[in-house]
C-alpha atoms as a PDB file:
ATOM      1  CA  MET A   1      36.298  59.904 -20.665  1.00  0.00           C
ATOM      2  CA  VAL A   2      36.670  63.035 -20.893  1.00  0.00           C
ATOM      3  CA  GLU A   3      39.941  65.594 -21.896  1.00  0.00           C
ATOM      4  CA  MET A   4      40.227  68.806 -20.092  1.00  0.00           C
ATOM      5  CA  SER A   5      43.785  70.592 -19.606  1.00  0.00           C
ATOM      6  CA  LEU A   6      45.033  70.613 -16.327  1.00  0.00           C
ATOM      7  CA  GLU A   7      44.889  74.325 -16.311  1.00  0.00           C
ATOM      8  CA  ASP A   8      40.984  74.017 -17.142  1.00  0.00           C
ATOM      9  CA  PHE A   9      40.777  71.155 -14.648  1.00  0.00           C
ATOM     10  CA  GLU A  10      42.812  73.339 -11.833  1.00  0.00           C
ATOM     11  CA  ILE A  11      39.711  76.446 -13.073  1.00  0.00           C
ATOM     12  CA  ALA A  12      37.031  73.394 -12.006  1.00  0.00           C
ATOM     13  CA  VAL A  13      38.547  73.078  -9.032  1.00  0.00           C
ATOM     14  CA  GLY A  14      38.453  76.653  -7.821  1.00  0.00           C
ATOM     15  CA  GLU A  15      35.068  77.517  -9.022  1.00  0.00           C
ATOM     16  CA  ALA A  16      33.946  74.382  -7.083  1.00  0.00           C
ATOM     17  CA  LEU A  17      35.884  75.963  -3.970  1.00  0.00           C
ATOM     18  CA  ASP A  18      34.048  79.606  -4.783  1.00  0.00           C
ATOM     19  CA  LEU A  19      30.457  77.344  -4.274  1.00  0.00           C
ATOM     20  CA  ILE A  20      31.420  76.784  -0.798  1.00  0.00           C
ATOM     21  CA  PRO A  21      29.648  79.711   1.558  1.00  0.00           C
ATOM     22  CA  GLN A  22      32.592  82.048   2.643  1.00  0.00           C
ATOM     23  CA  ASP A  23      31.891  81.877   6.122  1.00  0.00           C
ATOM     24  CA  LEU A  24      32.610  78.052   6.132  1.00  0.00           C
ATOM     25  CA  MET A  25      35.371  78.778   3.632  1.00  0.00           C
ATOM     26  CA  ASP A  26      36.851  81.119   6.581  1.00  0.00           C
ATOM     27  CA  GLN A  27      36.922  78.464   8.790  1.00  0.00           C
ATOM     28  CA  VAL A  28      38.911  76.285   7.167  1.00  0.00           C
ATOM     29  CA  ASP A  29      42.862  75.915   8.715  1.00  0.00           C
ATOM     30  CA  ASN A  30      45.668  75.042   7.875  1.00  0.00           C
ATOM     31  CA  CYS A  31      44.564  73.462   4.577  1.00  0.00           C
ATOM     32  CA  VAL A  32      45.684  73.408   1.312  1.00  0.00           C
ATOM     33  CA  ILE A  33      44.140  71.821  -2.437  1.00  0.00           C
ATOM     34  CA  LEU A  34      46.156  70.040  -4.519  1.00  0.00           C
ATOM     35  CA  VAL A  35      45.259  68.453  -8.176  1.00  0.00           C
ATOM     36  CA  GLU A  36      47.266  65.402  -8.735  1.00  0.00           C
ATOM     37  CA  GLU A  37      46.867  62.758 -11.775  1.00  0.00           C
ATOM     38  CA  GLU A  38      46.730  59.793 -10.088  1.00  0.00           C
ATOM     39  CA  PRO A  39      45.838  58.732  -6.523  1.00  0.00           C
ATOM     40  CA  PRO A  40      48.969  57.353  -4.920  1.00  0.00           C
ATOM     41  CA  ASP A  41      49.913  53.194  -5.308  1.00  0.00           C
ATOM     42  CA  ASP A  42      48.774  52.532  -1.587  1.00  0.00           C
ATOM     43  CA  VAL A  43      44.989  54.177  -2.985  1.00  0.00           C
ATOM     44  CA  PRO A  44      42.765  52.560  -4.899  1.00  0.00           C
ATOM     45  CA  SER A  45      43.272  53.451  -8.534  1.00  0.00           C
ATOM     46  CA  ASP A  46      39.151  54.887  -9.048  1.00  0.00           C
ATOM     47  CA  THR A  47      39.932  57.365  -6.064  1.00  0.00           C
ATOM     48  CA  LEU A  48      38.321  61.076  -6.882  1.00  0.00           C
ATOM     49  CA  GLY A  49      39.793  62.667  -4.204  1.00  0.00           C
ATOM     50  CA  LEU A  50      41.558  62.539  -0.740  1.00  0.00           C
ATOM     51  CA  TYR A  51      42.071  64.192   2.639  1.00  0.00           C
ATOM     52  CA  ASP A  52      44.755  63.690   4.414  1.00  0.00           C
ATOM     53  CA  GLY A  53      44.979  65.654   7.950  1.00  0.00           C
ATOM     54  CA  THR A  54      43.345  66.407  11.470  1.00  0.00           C
ATOM     55  CA  PRO A  55      39.835  67.368  10.887  1.00  0.00           C
ATOM     56  CA  LEU A  56      39.115  70.270  12.676  1.00  0.00           C
ATOM     57  CA  THR A  57      36.557  68.541  15.335  1.00  0.00           C
ATOM     58  CA  GLU A  58      39.787  66.366  16.293  1.00  0.00           C
ATOM     59  CA  ARG A  59      42.211  69.294  16.937  1.00  0.00           C
ATOM     60  CA  ASP A  60      43.158  70.728  20.053  1.00  0.00           C
ATOM     61  CA  GLY A  61      46.124  71.863  21.802  1.00  0.00           C
ATOM     62  CA  TRP A  62      48.566  69.642  20.822  1.00  0.00           C
ATOM     63  CA  TRP A  63      47.915  70.242  17.026  1.00  0.00           C
ATOM     64  CA  ALA A  64      48.579  73.717  16.729  1.00  0.00           C
ATOM     65  CA  GLY A  65      52.413  73.198  17.554  1.00  0.00           C
ATOM     66  CA  GLY A  66      53.787  73.122  14.092  1.00  0.00           C
ATOM     67  CA  SER A  67      51.697  70.755  12.424  1.00  0.00           C
ATOM     68  CA  LEU A  68      51.889  70.652   8.399  1.00  0.00           C
ATOM     69  CA  PRO A  69      49.152  71.873   6.488  1.00  0.00           C
ATOM     70  CA  ASP A  70      46.225  69.242   5.910  1.00  0.00           C
ATOM     71  CA  ARG A  71      46.176  68.146   2.373  1.00  0.00           C
ATOM     72  CA  ILE A  72      43.161  67.510  -0.372  1.00  0.00           C
ATOM     73  CA  PHE A  73      43.971  65.932  -3.283  1.00  0.00           C
ATOM     74  CA  ILE A  74      41.346  66.285  -6.068  1.00  0.00           C
ATOM     75  CA  PHE A  75      42.707  62.836  -9.234  1.00  0.00           C
ATOM     76  CA  ARG A  76      42.277  64.558 -12.363  1.00  0.00           C
ATOM     77  CA  GLY A  77      42.689  60.955 -14.228  1.00  0.00           C
ATOM     78  CA  PRO A  78      39.964  58.886 -12.258  1.00  0.00           C
ATOM     79  CA  LEU A  79      37.904  61.514 -12.345  1.00  0.00           C
ATOM     80  CA  SER A  80      38.143  62.133 -16.111  1.00  0.00           C
ATOM     81  CA  ARG A  81      37.461  58.645 -16.939  1.00  0.00           C
ATOM     82  CA  MET A  82      34.522  58.468 -15.059  1.00  0.00           C
ATOM     83  CA  CYS A  83      32.770  61.201 -16.852  1.00  0.00           C
ATOM     84  CA  GLU A  84      31.500  61.300 -20.382  1.00  0.00           C
ATOM     85  CA  ASP A  85      30.827  64.703 -21.097  1.00  0.00           C
ATOM     86  CA  THR A  86      32.615  68.043 -19.612  1.00  0.00           C
ATOM     87  CA  GLU A  87      29.416  69.518 -17.923  1.00  0.00           C
ATOM     88  CA  ASP A  88      29.114  65.673 -15.694  1.00  0.00           C
ATOM     89  CA  LEU A  89      33.255  65.982 -15.119  1.00  0.00           C
ATOM     90  CA  ILE A  90      32.706  69.577 -13.615  1.00  0.00           C
ATOM     91  CA  GLU A  91      29.538  68.155 -11.453  1.00  0.00           C
ATOM     92  CA  GLU A  92      31.904  65.444 -10.459  1.00  0.00           C
ATOM     93  CA  ILE A  93      34.854  67.542  -9.477  1.00  0.00           C
ATOM     94  CA  THR A  94      32.473  70.050  -7.506  1.00  0.00           C
ATOM     95  CA  VAL A  95      31.221  67.027  -5.644  1.00  0.00           C
ATOM     96  CA  THR A  96      34.758  65.595  -4.660  1.00  0.00           C
ATOM     97  CA  VAL A  97      35.802  69.279  -3.747  1.00  0.00           C
ATOM     98  CA  ILE A  98      32.884  69.954  -1.470  1.00  0.00           C
ATOM     99  CA  HIS A  99      33.445  65.865  -0.299  1.00  0.00           C
ATOM    100  CA  GLU A 100      37.112  66.388   1.023  1.00  0.00           C
ATOM    101  CA  ILE A 101      36.534  69.749   2.558  1.00  0.00           C
ATOM    102  CA  ALA A 102      33.763  68.040   4.495  1.00  0.00           C
ATOM    103  CA  HIS A 103      36.221  65.533   5.866  1.00  0.00           C
ATOM    104  CA  HIS A 104      38.429  69.327   7.117  1.00  0.00           C
ATOM    105  CA  PHE A 105      35.407  69.239   8.982  1.00  0.00           C
ATOM    106  CA  GLY A 106      34.942  66.190  10.317  1.00  0.00           C
ATOM    107  CA  ILE A 107      32.253  64.985   8.681  1.00  0.00           C
ATOM    108  CA  GLU A 108      32.088  60.969   7.490  1.00  0.00           C
ATOM    109  CA  ASP A 109      31.392  59.389   4.216  1.00  0.00           C
ATOM    110  CA  ASP A 110      28.562  57.641   5.825  1.00  0.00           C
ATOM    111  CA  ARG A 111      26.595  61.151   6.458  1.00  0.00           C
ATOM    112  CA  LEU A 112      27.676  62.388   3.403  1.00  0.00           C
ATOM    113  CA  HIS A 113      26.186  59.908   1.243  1.00  0.00           C
ATOM    114  CA  GLU A 114      22.939  60.669   3.214  1.00  0.00           C
ATOM    115  CA  LEU A 115      23.780  64.455   2.161  1.00  0.00           C
ATOM    116  CA  GLY A 116      23.978  63.621  -1.647  1.00  0.00           C
ATOM    117  CA  TRP A 117      27.443  64.260  -1.406  1.00  0.00           C
ATOM    118  CA  GLY A 118      29.071  60.823  -1.204  1.00  0.00           C
END
């Protein structure tokens, strides 16, 4: 387990977002990224991140009519527990952020695993 302050964890999430090419980030639409300590009770406790929303590939005219923002959750507890050192934690945060952003673009888990972002 790695101890990292919430502030440093949030900075690592921001740095992971900075690694995503700007032309892709410009296409992220109505989506917020949140750091939570643990996944909700109805989600496995070892879940690292979660995308909750409607992927861009599934949106049509109905979606824009007052839809709440999509949410990407990055779970600090499970990520911290699975890592052995700070470098490993930062790498896993990066993979998790990119993985969840990919869901916003409609990329499924199977494809992400094939690409090495599983």
